[in-house]
Amino acid sequence: MGDDPAAAALGRGSPRSVGEPSLTALVPCYNEEACLERAYREIAAELGRFTDCEILFVDDGSTDRTLELIKAIARTDERVRPMLEAFQCDLPKPVEPATLRGH
């Protein structure tokens, strides 16, 4: 088989790192305490048919117990990884469109 530029551009056919999941469910979170556990259960159920996947919860500076709940879930499910958004890592945040309009 020859090289397929389209497949290469999409990362298809290139080897993955050992231990790297083949599928990642990316879940953005901001003050999701009330619905996080239900969302996790539904996502985990859908991903149950995959043997090589991860669930990446990205917390964007929640002020409720969202991050605490994500960490608790991660302790019970090795597929779950918590991640802090730029807000909590002291990196610049995107400018809100209303700010650009002077509102």
C-alpha atoms as a PDB file:
ATOM      1  CA  MET A   1       0.000   0.000   0.000  1.00  0.00           C
ATOM      2  CA  GLY A   2       1.195   3.506  -0.786  1.00  0.00           C
ATOM      3  CA  ASP A   3       1.293   6.498   1.485  1.00  0.00           C
ATOM      4  CA  ASP A   4      -2.101   8.164   1.862  1.00  0.00           C
ATOM      5  CA  PRO A   5      -1.619  11.928   2.518  1.00  0.00           C
ATOM      6  CA  ALA A   6      -5.203  12.320   3.759  1.00  0.00           C
ATOM      7  CA  ALA A   7      -4.815   9.484   6.249  1.00  0.00           C
ATOM      8  CA  ALA A   8      -1.457  10.870   7.366  1.00  0.00           C
ATOM      9  CA  ALA A   9      -2.986  14.322   7.890  1.00  0.00           C
ATOM     10  CA  LEU A  10      -5.656  12.760  10.098  1.00  0.00           C
ATOM     11  CA  GLY A  11      -3.114  10.727  12.020  1.00  0.00           C
ATOM     12  CA  ARG A  12      -4.391   7.466  10.564  1.00  0.00           C
ATOM     13  CA  GLY A  13      -1.873   4.779   9.941  1.00  0.00           C
ATOM     14  CA  SER A  14       0.718   6.392  12.181  1.00  0.00           C
ATOM     15  CA  PRO A  15       1.751   4.411  15.243  1.00  0.00           C
ATOM     16  CA  ARG A  16       0.416   5.490  18.612  1.00  0.00           C
ATOM     17  CA  SER A  17       2.472   5.617  21.766  1.00  0.00           C
ATOM     18  CA  VAL A  18       2.258   2.561  23.960  1.00  0.00           C
ATOM     19  CA  GLY A  19      -0.560   2.990  26.455  1.00  0.00           C
ATOM     20  CA  GLU A  20      -2.130   5.887  24.543  1.00  0.00           C
ATOM     21  CA  PRO A  21      -5.914   5.426  24.223  1.00  0.00           C
ATOM     22  CA  SER A  22      -7.454   5.093  20.788  1.00  0.00           C
ATOM     23  CA  LEU A  23     -10.513   7.142  21.820  1.00  0.00           C
ATOM     24  CA  THR A  24     -10.849  10.138  24.128  1.00  0.00           C
ATOM     25  CA  ALA A  25     -14.170  11.555  25.284  1.00  0.00           C
ATOM     26  CA  LEU A  26     -13.530  15.235  26.024  1.00  0.00           C
ATOM     27  CA  VAL A  27     -15.979  16.654  28.576  1.00  0.00           C
ATOM     28  CA  PRO A  28     -15.772  20.414  29.289  1.00  0.00           C
ATOM     29  CA  CYS A  29     -17.041  21.301  32.780  1.00  0.00           C
ATOM     30  CA  TYR A  30     -17.964  24.496  34.577  1.00  0.00           C
ATOM     31  CA  ASN A  31     -20.002  24.265  37.781  1.00  0.00           C
ATOM     32  CA  GLU A  32     -21.468  20.887  36.815  1.00  0.00           C
ATOM     33  CA  GLU A  33     -21.818  19.500  40.346  1.00  0.00           C
ATOM     34  CA  ALA A  34     -25.534  18.824  39.907  1.00  0.00           C
ATOM     35  CA  CYS A  35     -25.195  16.733  36.743  1.00  0.00           C
ATOM     36  CA  LEU A  36     -21.606  15.469  36.655  1.00  0.00           C
ATOM     37  CA  GLU A  37     -22.201  11.995  38.060  1.00  0.00           C
ATOM     38  CA  ARG A  38     -25.113  11.348  35.698  1.00  0.00           C
ATOM     39  CA  ALA A  39     -23.083  12.596  32.730  1.00  0.00           C
ATOM     40  CA  TYR A  40     -20.200  10.328  33.745  1.00  0.00           C
ATOM     41  CA  ARG A  41     -22.484   7.265  34.007  1.00  0.00           C
ATOM     42  CA  GLU A  42     -23.985   7.918  30.571  1.00  0.00           C
ATOM     43  CA  ILE A  43     -20.619   8.541  28.915  1.00  0.00           C
ATOM     44  CA  ALA A  44     -19.069   5.495  30.605  1.00  0.00           C
ATOM     45  CA  ALA A  45     -21.981   3.324  29.444  1.00  0.00           C
ATOM     46  CA  GLU A  46     -21.545   4.477  25.837  1.00  0.00           C
ATOM     47  CA  LEU A  47     -17.798   3.853  25.978  1.00  0.00           C
ATOM     48  CA  GLY A  48     -18.271   0.419  27.553  1.00  0.00           C
ATOM     49  CA  ARG A  49     -17.843  -1.301  24.201  1.00  0.00           C
ATOM     50  CA  PHE A  50     -14.381   0.211  23.692  1.00  0.00           C
ATOM     51  CA  THR A  51     -11.430  -1.446  25.382  1.00  0.00           C
ATOM     52  CA  ASP A  52      -8.942   1.342  24.805  1.00  0.00           C
ATOM     53  CA  CYS A  53     -10.454   4.717  25.734  1.00  0.00           C
ATOM     54  CA  GLU A  54     -10.315   7.558  28.236  1.00  0.00           C
ATOM     55  CA  ILE A  55     -12.684  10.198  29.570  1.00  0.00           C
ATOM     56  CA  LEU A  56     -11.008  13.579  29.952  1.00  0.00           C
ATOM     57  CA  PHE A  57     -12.961  16.002  32.147  1.00  0.00           C
ATOM     58  CA  VAL A  58     -11.699  19.579  31.628  1.00  0.00           C
ATOM     59  CA  ASP A  59     -12.651  21.805  34.547  1.00  0.00           C
ATOM     60  CA  ASP A  60     -12.726  25.501  33.646  1.00  0.00           C
ATOM     61  CA  GLY A  61     -12.419  27.064  37.079  1.00  0.00           C
ATOM     62  CA  SER A  62     -15.606  25.730  38.650  1.00  0.00           C
ATOM     63  CA  THR A  63     -16.546  27.314  41.966  1.00  0.00           C
ATOM     64  CA  ASP A  64     -18.679  24.389  43.122  1.00  0.00           C
ATOM     65  CA  ARG A  65     -17.606  20.787  43.847  1.00  0.00           C
ATOM     66  CA  THR A  66     -17.103  19.847  40.175  1.00  0.00           C
ATOM     67  CA  LEU A  67     -13.347  19.252  40.416  1.00  0.00           C
ATOM     68  CA  GLU A  68     -13.725  17.330  43.679  1.00  0.00           C
ATOM     69  CA  LEU A  69     -16.305  15.037  42.043  1.00  0.00           C
ATOM     70  CA  ILE A  70     -14.134  14.516  38.957  1.00  0.00           C
ATOM     71  CA  LYS A  71     -11.211  13.468  41.148  1.00  0.00           C
ATOM     72  CA  ALA A  72     -13.456  11.086  43.120  1.00  0.00           C
ATOM     73  CA  ILE A  73     -14.673   9.473  39.891  1.00  0.00           C
ATOM     74  CA  ALA A  74     -11.082   9.201  38.635  1.00  0.00           C
ATOM     75  CA  ARG A  75     -10.135   7.251  41.769  1.00  0.00           C
ATOM     76  CA  THR A  76     -12.727   4.596  40.876  1.00  0.00           C
ATOM     77  CA  ASP A  77     -12.336   4.500  37.073  1.00  0.00           C
ATOM     78  CA  GLU A  78      -8.860   4.379  35.560  1.00  0.00           C
ATOM     79  CA  ARG A  79     -10.241   5.684  32.239  1.00  0.00           C
ATOM     80  CA  VAL A  80     -11.074   9.057  33.823  1.00  0.00           C
ATOM     81  CA  ARG A  81      -8.534  11.876  33.850  1.00  0.00           C
ATOM     82  CA  PRO A  82      -9.157  15.300  35.352  1.00  0.00           C
ATOM     83  CA  MET A  83      -7.629  18.326  33.631  1.00  0.00           C
ATOM     84  CA  LEU A  84      -7.543  21.952  34.696  1.00  0.00           C
ATOM     85  CA  GLU A  85      -8.265  24.595  32.079  1.00  0.00           C
ATOM     86  CA  ALA A  86      -5.974  27.593  31.502  1.00  0.00           C
ATOM     87  CA  PHE A  87      -7.844  29.599  34.168  1.00  0.00           C
ATOM     88  CA  GLN A  88      -6.442  27.425  36.914  1.00  0.00           C
ATOM     89  CA  CYS A  89      -2.979  27.210  35.372  1.00  0.00           C
ATOM     90  CA  ASP A  90      -2.395  30.997  35.305  1.00  0.00           C
ATOM     91  CA  LEU A  91      -2.432  31.129  31.509  1.00  0.00           C
ATOM     92  CA  PRO A  92      -4.277  33.809  29.531  1.00  0.00           C
ATOM     93  CA  LYS A  93      -7.967  33.102  28.973  1.00  0.00           C
ATOM     94  CA  PRO A  94      -9.774  33.858  25.729  1.00  0.00           C
ATOM     95  CA  VAL A  95     -11.415  37.280  25.543  1.00  0.00           C
ATOM     96  CA  GLU A  96     -15.214  37.170  25.663  1.00  0.00           C
ATOM     97  CA  PRO A  97     -16.915  38.625  22.554  1.00  0.00           C
ATOM     98  CA  ALA A  98     -18.885  41.101  24.701  1.00  0.00           C
ATOM     99  CA  THR A  99     -15.588  42.501  25.986  1.00  0.00           C
ATOM    100  CA  LEU A 100     -14.433  43.126  22.441  1.00  0.00           C
ATOM    101  CA  ARG A 101     -17.630  45.077  21.717  1.00  0.00           C
ATOM    102  CA  GLY A 102     -17.153  47.221  24.816  1.00  0.00           C
ATOM    103  CA  HIS A 103     -20.130  45.816  26.759  1.00  0.00           C
END
